[in-house]
Amino acid sequence: GLAGVSFLTPILFSIPIGTIVATRLVSDRKKIFL
């Protein structure tokens, strides 16, 4: 879920790709930021 994508975004994916995927799949922005 979001925890796995967020954890791997800085090193495996890039910030733009991980963040865009997270925003498309999760509507709660505070949760994405946290």
PDB file of all heavy atoms in Angstrom:
ATOM      1  N   GLY A   1       0.800  -1.213   0.000  1.00  0.00           N
ATOM      2  CA  GLY A   1       0.000   0.000   0.000  1.00  0.00           C
ATOM      3  C   GLY A   1       0.836   1.267   0.000  1.00  0.00           C
ATOM      4  O   GLY A   1       1.971   1.298  -0.483  1.00  0.00           O
ATOM      5  N   LEU A   2       0.267   2.312   0.568  1.00  0.00           N
ATOM      6  CA  LEU A   2       0.922   3.623   0.584  1.00  0.00           C
ATOM      7  C   LEU A   2       2.226   3.592   1.368  1.00  0.00           C
ATOM      8  O   LEU A   2       3.203   4.242   0.980  1.00  0.00           O
ATOM      9  CB  LEU A   2      -0.021   4.679   1.171  1.00  0.00           C
ATOM     10  CG  LEU A   2       0.516   6.098   1.262  1.00  0.00           C
ATOM     11  CD1 LEU A   2       0.866   6.634  -0.105  1.00  0.00           C
ATOM     12  CD2 LEU A   2      -0.482   6.997   1.955  1.00  0.00           C
ATOM     13  N   ALA A   3       2.279   2.830   2.439  1.00  0.00           N
ATOM     14  CA  ALA A   3       3.503   2.764   3.248  1.00  0.00           C
ATOM     15  C   ALA A   3       4.665   2.201   2.430  1.00  0.00           C
ATOM     16  O   ALA A   3       5.778   2.722   2.483  1.00  0.00           O
ATOM     17  CB  ALA A   3       3.267   1.917   4.494  1.00  0.00           C
ATOM     18  N   GLY A   4       4.429   1.159   1.669  1.00  0.00           N
ATOM     19  CA  GLY A   4       5.494   0.566   0.854  1.00  0.00           C
ATOM     20  C   GLY A   4       5.951   1.478  -0.259  1.00  0.00           C
ATOM     21  O   GLY A   4       7.157   1.620  -0.511  1.00  0.00           O
ATOM     22  N   VAL A   5       5.000   2.105  -0.939  1.00  0.00           N
ATOM     23  CA  VAL A   5       5.360   3.024  -2.021  1.00  0.00           C
ATOM     24  C   VAL A   5       6.122   4.221  -1.466  1.00  0.00           C
ATOM     25  O   VAL A   5       7.129   4.638  -2.024  1.00  0.00           O
ATOM     26  CB  VAL A   5       4.108   3.474  -2.806  1.00  0.00           C
ATOM     27  CG1 VAL A   5       4.430   4.605  -3.753  1.00  0.00           C
ATOM     28  CG2 VAL A   5       3.520   2.303  -3.566  1.00  0.00           C
ATOM     29  N   SER A   6       5.669   4.758  -0.346  1.00  0.00           N
ATOM     30  CA  SER A   6       6.355   5.905   0.257  1.00  0.00           C
ATOM     31  C   SER A   6       7.759   5.538   0.707  1.00  0.00           C
ATOM     32  O   SER A   6       8.694   6.316   0.543  1.00  0.00           O
ATOM     33  CB  SER A   6       5.558   6.423   1.459  1.00  0.00           C
ATOM     34  OG  SER A   6       4.304   6.870   1.055  1.00  0.00           O
ATOM     35  N   PHE A   7       7.908   4.336   1.271  1.00  0.00           N
ATOM     36  CA  PHE A   7       9.214   3.914   1.768  1.00  0.00           C
ATOM     37  C   PHE A   7      10.219   3.756   0.629  1.00  0.00           C
ATOM     38  O   PHE A   7      11.390   4.099   0.769  1.00  0.00           O
ATOM     39  CB  PHE A   7       9.073   2.603   2.543  1.00  0.00           C
ATOM     40  CG  PHE A   7      10.348   2.129   3.160  1.00  0.00           C
ATOM     41  CD1 PHE A   7      10.876   2.759   4.270  1.00  0.00           C
ATOM     42  CD2 PHE A   7      11.040   1.055   2.619  1.00  0.00           C
ATOM     43  CE1 PHE A   7      12.067   2.330   4.834  1.00  0.00           C
ATOM     44  CE2 PHE A   7      12.227   0.614   3.173  1.00  0.00           C
ATOM     45  CZ  PHE A   7      12.740   1.255   4.286  1.00  0.00           C
ATOM     46  N   LEU A   8       9.775   3.249  -0.517  1.00  0.00           N
ATOM     47  CA  LEU A   8      10.692   2.987  -1.628  1.00  0.00           C
ATOM     48  C   LEU A   8      10.817   4.154  -2.610  1.00  0.00           C
ATOM     49  O   LEU A   8      11.693   4.140  -3.471  1.00  0.00           O
ATOM     50  CB  LEU A   8      10.255   1.736  -2.375  1.00  0.00           C
ATOM     51  CG  LEU A   8      10.375   0.435  -1.581  1.00  0.00           C
ATOM     52  CD1 LEU A   8       9.833  -0.726  -2.381  1.00  0.00           C
ATOM     53  CD2 LEU A   8      11.808   0.181  -1.167  1.00  0.00           C
ATOM     54  N   THR A   9       9.948   5.147  -2.489  1.00  0.00           N
ATOM     55  CA  THR A   9       9.983   6.273  -3.430  1.00  0.00           C
ATOM     56  C   THR A   9      11.320   7.012  -3.448  1.00  0.00           C
ATOM     57  O   THR A   9      11.866   7.235  -4.522  1.00  0.00           O
ATOM     58  CB  THR A   9       8.829   7.246  -3.146  1.00  0.00           C
ATOM     59  OG1 THR A   9       7.615   6.616  -3.524  1.00  0.00           O
ATOM     60  CG2 THR A   9       8.974   8.541  -3.914  1.00  0.00           C
ATOM     61  N   PRO A  10      11.913   7.385  -2.314  1.00  0.00           N
ATOM     62  CA  PRO A  10      13.166   8.156  -2.395  1.00  0.00           C
ATOM     63  C   PRO A  10      14.331   7.395  -3.020  1.00  0.00           C
ATOM     64  O   PRO A  10      15.194   8.004  -3.634  1.00  0.00           O
ATOM     65  CB  PRO A  10      13.473   8.487  -0.930  1.00  0.00           C
ATOM     66  CG  PRO A  10      12.178   8.407  -0.240  1.00  0.00           C
ATOM     67  CD  PRO A  10      11.410   7.332  -0.943  1.00  0.00           C
ATOM     68  N   ILE A  11      14.378   6.068  -2.873  1.00  0.00           N
ATOM     69  CA  ILE A  11      15.559   5.359  -3.362  1.00  0.00           C
ATOM     70  C   ILE A  11      15.317   4.568  -4.638  1.00  0.00           C
ATOM     71  O   ILE A  11      16.193   4.476  -5.480  1.00  0.00           O
ATOM     72  CB  ILE A  11      16.129   4.420  -2.287  1.00  0.00           C
ATOM     73  CG1 ILE A  11      15.076   3.419  -1.832  1.00  0.00           C
ATOM     74  CG2 ILE A  11      16.680   5.192  -1.131  1.00  0.00           C
ATOM     75  CD1 ILE A  11      15.648   2.205  -1.185  1.00  0.00           C
ATOM     76  N   LEU A  12      14.147   3.981  -4.794  1.00  0.00           N
ATOM     77  CA  LEU A  12      13.917   3.110  -5.940  1.00  0.00           C
ATOM     78  C   LEU A  12      13.179   3.832  -7.065  1.00  0.00           C
ATOM     79  O   LEU A  12      13.599   3.813  -8.212  1.00  0.00           O
ATOM     80  CB  LEU A  12      13.134   1.871  -5.500  1.00  0.00           C
ATOM     81  CG  LEU A  12      12.968   0.764  -6.519  1.00  0.00           C
ATOM     82  CD1 LEU A  12      14.320   0.251  -6.964  1.00  0.00           C
ATOM     83  CD2 LEU A  12      12.157  -0.377  -5.938  1.00  0.00           C
ATOM     84  N   PHE A  13      12.073   4.436  -6.732  1.00  0.00           N
ATOM     85  CA  PHE A  13      11.339   5.241  -7.704  1.00  0.00           C
ATOM     86  C   PHE A  13      11.884   6.654  -7.541  1.00  0.00           C
ATOM     87  O   PHE A  13      12.821   6.875  -6.821  1.00  0.00           O
ATOM     88  CB  PHE A  13       9.838   5.187  -7.404  1.00  0.00           C
ATOM     89  CG  PHE A  13       9.338   3.799  -7.105  1.00  0.00           C
ATOM     90  CD1 PHE A  13       8.749   3.502  -5.890  1.00  0.00           C
ATOM     91  CD2 PHE A  13       9.491   2.779  -8.023  1.00  0.00           C
ATOM     92  CE1 PHE A  13       8.309   2.222  -5.612  1.00  0.00           C
ATOM     93  CE2 PHE A  13       9.056   1.503  -7.753  1.00  0.00           C
ATOM     94  CZ  PHE A  13       8.464   1.219  -6.535  1.00  0.00           C
ATOM     95  N   SER A  14      11.331   7.608  -8.188  1.00  0.00           N
ATOM     96  CA  SER A  14      11.756   8.979  -7.937  1.00  0.00           C
ATOM     97  C   SER A  14      10.616   9.706  -7.239  1.00  0.00           C
ATOM     98  O   SER A  14       9.479   9.238  -7.226  1.00  0.00           O
ATOM     99  CB  SER A  14      12.124   9.675  -9.250  1.00  0.00           C
ATOM    100  OG  SER A  14      11.000   9.736 -10.081  1.00  0.00           O
ATOM    101  N   ILE A  15      10.928  10.853  -6.662  1.00  0.00           N
ATOM    102  CA  ILE A  15       9.911  11.622  -5.930  1.00  0.00           C
ATOM    103  C   ILE A  15       8.714  11.934  -6.827  1.00  0.00           C
ATOM    104  O   ILE A  15       7.567  11.740  -6.411  1.00  0.00           O
ATOM    105  CB  ILE A  15      10.522  12.916  -5.347  1.00  0.00           C
ATOM    106  CG1 ILE A  15      11.617  12.592  -4.334  1.00  0.00           C
ATOM    107  CG2 ILE A  15       9.460  13.816  -4.744  1.00  0.00           C
ATOM    108  CD1 ILE A  15      11.180  12.134  -2.989  1.00  0.00           C
ATOM    109  N   PRO A  16       8.897  12.385  -8.075  1.00  0.00           N
ATOM    110  CA  PRO A  16       7.721  12.680  -8.898  1.00  0.00           C
ATOM    111  C   PRO A  16       6.843  11.452  -9.153  1.00  0.00           C
ATOM    112  O   PRO A  16       5.628  11.510  -9.004  1.00  0.00           O
ATOM    113  CB  PRO A  16       8.315  13.196 -10.213  1.00  0.00           C
ATOM    114  CG  PRO A  16       9.666  13.667  -9.879  1.00  0.00           C
ATOM    115  CD  PRO A  16      10.135  12.814  -8.754  1.00  0.00           C
ATOM    116  N   ILE A  17       7.451  10.334  -9.521  1.00  0.00           N
ATOM    117  CA  ILE A  17       6.658   9.145  -9.862  1.00  0.00           C
ATOM    118  C   ILE A  17       5.931   8.614  -8.636  1.00  0.00           C
ATOM    119  O   ILE A  17       4.731   8.346  -8.673  1.00  0.00           O
ATOM    120  CB  ILE A  17       7.557   8.064 -10.500  1.00  0.00           C
ATOM    121  CG1 ILE A  17       8.032   8.540 -11.864  1.00  0.00           C
ATOM    122  CG2 ILE A  17       6.822   6.748 -10.622  1.00  0.00           C
ATOM    123  CD1 ILE A  17       9.075   7.668 -12.498  1.00  0.00           C
ATOM    124  N   GLY A  18       6.646   8.457  -7.521  1.00  0.00           N
ATOM    125  CA  GLY A  18       6.011   7.947  -6.306  1.00  0.00           C
ATOM    126  C   GLY A  18       4.907   8.849  -5.800  1.00  0.00           C
ATOM    127  O   GLY A  18       3.842   8.383  -5.381  1.00  0.00           O
ATOM    128  N   THR A  19       5.125  10.150  -5.862  1.00  0.00           N
ATOM    129  CA  THR A  19       4.112  11.095  -5.367  1.00  0.00           C
ATOM    130  C   THR A  19       2.899  11.129  -6.282  1.00  0.00           C
ATOM    131  O   THR A  19       1.761  11.151  -5.803  1.00  0.00           O
ATOM    132  CB  THR A  19       4.727  12.501  -5.249  1.00  0.00           C
ATOM    133  OG1 THR A  19       5.881  12.429  -4.425  1.00  0.00           O
ATOM    134  CG2 THR A  19       3.742  13.472  -4.650  1.00  0.00           C
ATOM    135  N   ILE A  20       3.113  11.119  -7.575  1.00  0.00           N
ATOM    136  CA  ILE A  20       1.978  11.145  -8.512  1.00  0.00           C
ATOM    137  C   ILE A  20       1.150   9.879  -8.372  1.00  0.00           C
ATOM    138  O   ILE A  20      -0.086   9.932  -8.346  1.00  0.00           O
ATOM    139  CB  ILE A  20       2.474  11.362  -9.957  1.00  0.00           C
ATOM    140  CG1 ILE A  20       2.945  12.804 -10.123  1.00  0.00           C
ATOM    141  CG2 ILE A  20       1.381  11.047 -10.963  1.00  0.00           C
ATOM    142  CD1 ILE A  20       3.645  13.095 -11.430  1.00  0.00           C
ATOM    143  N   VAL A  21       1.800   8.737  -8.249  1.00  0.00           N
ATOM    144  CA  VAL A  21       1.053   7.487  -8.057  1.00  0.00           C
ATOM    145  C   VAL A  21       0.277   7.536  -6.746  1.00  0.00           C
ATOM    146  O   VAL A  21      -0.900   7.156  -6.695  1.00  0.00           O
ATOM    147  CB  VAL A  21       2.014   6.272  -8.092  1.00  0.00           C
ATOM    148  CG1 VAL A  21       1.324   5.018  -7.602  1.00  0.00           C
ATOM    149  CG2 VAL A  21       2.538   6.070  -9.498  1.00  0.00           C
ATOM    150  N   ALA A  22       0.912   8.010  -5.694  1.00  0.00           N
ATOM    151  CA  ALA A  22       0.229   8.090  -4.398  1.00  0.00           C
ATOM    152  C   ALA A  22      -0.974   9.035  -4.456  1.00  0.00           C
ATOM    153  O   ALA A  22      -2.035   8.722  -3.911  1.00  0.00           O
ATOM    154  CB  ALA A  22       1.206   8.537  -3.320  1.00  0.00           C
ATOM    155  N   THR A  23      -0.832  10.176  -5.130  1.00  0.00           N
ATOM    156  CA  THR A  23      -1.955  11.109  -5.202  1.00  0.00           C
ATOM    157  C   THR A  23      -3.087  10.587  -6.075  1.00  0.00           C
ATOM    158  O   THR A  23      -4.240  10.943  -5.859  1.00  0.00           O
ATOM    159  CB  THR A  23      -1.516  12.490  -5.731  1.00  0.00           C
ATOM    160  OG1 THR A  23      -0.876  12.329  -6.985  1.00  0.00           O
ATOM    161  CG2 THR A  23      -0.606  13.175  -4.757  1.00  0.00           C
ATOM    162  N   ARG A  24      -2.758   9.750  -7.055  1.00  0.00           N
ATOM    163  CA  ARG A  24      -3.808   9.177  -7.904  1.00  0.00           C
ATOM    164  C   ARG A  24      -4.571   8.063  -7.193  1.00  0.00           C
ATOM    165  O   ARG A  24      -5.725   7.807  -7.513  1.00  0.00           O
ATOM    166  CB  ARG A  24      -3.205   8.633  -9.197  1.00  0.00           C
ATOM    167  CG  ARG A  24      -2.563   9.681 -10.068  1.00  0.00           C
ATOM    168  CD  ARG A  24      -3.554  10.471 -10.818  1.00  0.00           C
ATOM    169  NE  ARG A  24      -4.011   9.709 -11.956  1.00  0.00           N
ATOM    170  CZ  ARG A  24      -4.590  10.218 -12.999  1.00  0.00           C
ATOM    171  NH1 ARG A  24      -4.762  11.517 -13.061  1.00  0.00           N
ATOM    172  NH2 ARG A  24      -4.996   9.469 -13.982  1.00  0.00           N
ATOM    173  N   LEU A  25      -3.920   7.395  -6.240  1.00  0.00           N
ATOM    174  CA  LEU A  25      -4.545   6.246  -5.600  1.00  0.00           C
ATOM    175  C   LEU A  25      -5.051   6.513  -4.187  1.00  0.00           C
ATOM    176  O   LEU A  25      -5.833   5.735  -3.660  1.00  0.00           O
ATOM    177  CB  LEU A  25      -3.561   5.065  -5.581  1.00  0.00           C
ATOM    178  CG  LEU A  25      -3.089   4.603  -6.966  1.00  0.00           C
ATOM    179  CD1 LEU A  25      -2.036   3.525  -6.833  1.00  0.00           C
ATOM    180  CD2 LEU A  25      -4.248   4.114  -7.808  1.00  0.00           C
ATOM    181  N   VAL A  26      -4.596   7.597  -3.572  1.00  0.00           N
ATOM    182  CA  VAL A  26      -5.038   7.945  -2.223  1.00  0.00           C
ATOM    183  C   VAL A  26      -5.525   9.387  -2.240  1.00  0.00           C
ATOM    184  O   VAL A  26      -4.834  10.266  -2.743  1.00  0.00           O
ATOM    185  CB  VAL A  26      -3.875   7.799  -1.207  1.00  0.00           C
ATOM    186  CG1 VAL A  26      -4.301   8.260   0.165  1.00  0.00           C
ATOM    187  CG2 VAL A  26      -3.377   6.380  -1.157  1.00  0.00           C
ATOM    188  N   SER A  27      -6.694   9.619  -1.691  1.00  0.00           N
ATOM    189  CA  SER A  27      -7.238  10.976  -1.723  1.00  0.00           C
ATOM    190  C   SER A  27      -6.800  11.834  -0.534  1.00  0.00           C
ATOM    191  O   SER A  27      -6.844  13.051  -0.600  1.00  0.00           O
ATOM    192  CB  SER A  27      -8.767  10.926  -1.775  1.00  0.00           C
ATOM    193  OG  SER A  27      -9.253  10.260  -0.621  1.00  0.00           O
ATOM    194  N   ASP A  28      -6.358  11.211   0.545  1.00  0.00           N
ATOM    195  CA  ASP A  28      -5.964  11.935   1.751  1.00  0.00           C
ATOM    196  C   ASP A  28      -4.528  12.453   1.611  1.00  0.00           C
ATOM    197  O   ASP A  28      -3.563  11.712   1.733  1.00  0.00           O
ATOM    198  CB  ASP A  28      -6.080  11.010   2.968  1.00  0.00           C
ATOM    199  CG  ASP A  28      -5.875  11.751   4.268  1.00  0.00           C
ATOM    200  OD1 ASP A  28      -5.799  12.997   4.251  1.00  0.00           O
ATOM    201  OD2 ASP A  28      -5.794  11.076   5.319  1.00  0.00           O
ATOM    202  N   ARG A  29      -4.389  13.745   1.350  1.00  0.00           N
ATOM    203  CA  ARG A  29      -3.058  14.328   1.121  1.00  0.00           C
ATOM    204  C   ARG A  29      -2.233  14.401   2.387  1.00  0.00           C
ATOM    205  O   ARG A  29      -1.011  14.304   2.349  1.00  0.00           O
ATOM    206  CB  ARG A  29      -3.203  15.710   0.495  1.00  0.00           C
ATOM    207  CG  ARG A  29      -3.701  15.639  -0.919  1.00  0.00           C
ATOM    208  CD  ARG A  29      -3.779  16.981  -1.553  1.00  0.00           C
ATOM    209  NE  ARG A  29      -4.202  16.840  -2.941  1.00  0.00           N
ATOM    210  CZ  ARG A  29      -4.592  17.831  -3.681  1.00  0.00           C
ATOM    211  NH1 ARG A  29      -4.611  19.049  -3.202  1.00  0.00           N
ATOM    212  NH2 ARG A  29      -4.960  17.629  -4.929  1.00  0.00           N
ATOM    213  N   LYS A  30      -2.885  14.587   3.542  1.00  0.00           N
ATOM    214  CA  LYS A  30      -2.142  14.626   4.802  1.00  0.00           C
ATOM    215  C   LYS A  30      -1.451  13.290   5.062  1.00  0.00           C
ATOM    216  O   LYS A  30      -0.319  13.247   5.532  1.00  0.00           O
ATOM    217  CB  LYS A  30      -3.084  14.956   5.958  1.00  0.00           C
ATOM    218  CG  LYS A  30      -3.574  16.380   5.963  1.00  0.00           C
ATOM    219  CD  LYS A  30      -4.495  16.632   7.127  1.00  0.00           C
ATOM    220  CE  LYS A  30      -5.048  18.046   7.070  1.00  0.00           C
ATOM    221  NZ  LYS A  30      -6.026  18.291   8.144  1.00  0.00           N
ATOM    222  N   LYS A  31      -2.136  12.221   4.719  1.00  0.00           N
ATOM    223  CA  LYS A  31      -1.560  10.886   4.893  1.00  0.00           C
ATOM    224  C   LYS A  31      -0.367  10.689   3.959  1.00  0.00           C
ATOM    225  O   LYS A  31       0.671  10.144   4.362  1.00  0.00           O
ATOM    226  CB  LYS A  31      -2.633   9.829   4.610  1.00  0.00           C
ATOM    227  CG  LYS A  31      -2.272   8.453   5.016  1.00  0.00           C
ATOM    228  CD  LYS A  31      -3.471   7.528   4.825  1.00  0.00           C
ATOM    229  CE  LYS A  31      -3.157   6.127   5.271  1.00  0.00           C
ATOM    230  NZ  LYS A  31      -4.299   5.227   5.075  1.00  0.00           N
ATOM    231  N   ILE A  32      -0.485  11.175   2.738  1.00  0.00           N
ATOM    232  CA  ILE A  32       0.628  11.083   1.783  1.00  0.00           C
ATOM    233  C   ILE A  32       1.823  11.872   2.311  1.00  0.00           C
ATOM    234  O   ILE A  32       2.953  11.384   2.298  1.00  0.00           O
ATOM    235  CB  ILE A  32       0.203  11.608   0.393  1.00  0.00           C
ATOM    236  CG1 ILE A  32      -0.850  10.690  -0.215  1.00  0.00           C
ATOM    237  CG2 ILE A  32       1.401  11.728  -0.531  1.00  0.00           C
ATOM    238  CD1 ILE A  32      -1.495  11.246  -1.467  1.00  0.00           C
ATOM    239  N   PHE A  33       1.595  13.097   2.796  1.00  0.00           N
ATOM    240  CA  PHE A  33       2.682  13.916   3.322  1.00  0.00           C
ATOM    241  C   PHE A  33       3.352  13.241   4.518  1.00  0.00           C
ATOM    242  O   PHE A  33       4.575  13.250   4.631  1.00  0.00           O
ATOM    243  CB  PHE A  33       2.177  15.304   3.726  1.00  0.00           C
ATOM    244  CG  PHE A  33       2.099  16.262   2.585  1.00  0.00           C
ATOM    245  CD1 PHE A  33       0.878  16.693   2.113  1.00  0.00           C
ATOM    246  CD2 PHE A  33       3.245  16.734   1.980  1.00  0.00           C
ATOM    247  CE1 PHE A  33       0.798  17.575   1.060  1.00  0.00           C
ATOM    248  CE2 PHE A  33       3.181  17.624   0.923  1.00  0.00           C
ATOM    249  CZ  PHE A  33       1.949  18.045   0.465  1.00  0.00           C
ATOM    250  N   LEU A  34       2.554  12.668   5.415  1.00  0.00           N
ATOM    251  CA  LEU A  34       3.118  12.026   6.598  1.00  0.00           C
ATOM    252  C   LEU A  34       3.987  10.834   6.214  1.00  0.00           C
ATOM    253  O   LEU A  34       5.133  10.722   6.668  1.00  0.00           O
ATOM    254  CB  LEU A  34       1.998  11.578   7.545  1.00  0.00           C
ATOM    255  CG  LEU A  34       2.458  10.813   8.776  1.00  0.00           C
ATOM    256  CD1 LEU A  34       3.261  11.736   9.687  1.00  0.00           C
ATOM    257  CD2 LEU A  34       1.277  10.213   9.508  1.00  0.00           C
TER     258      LEU A  34
END
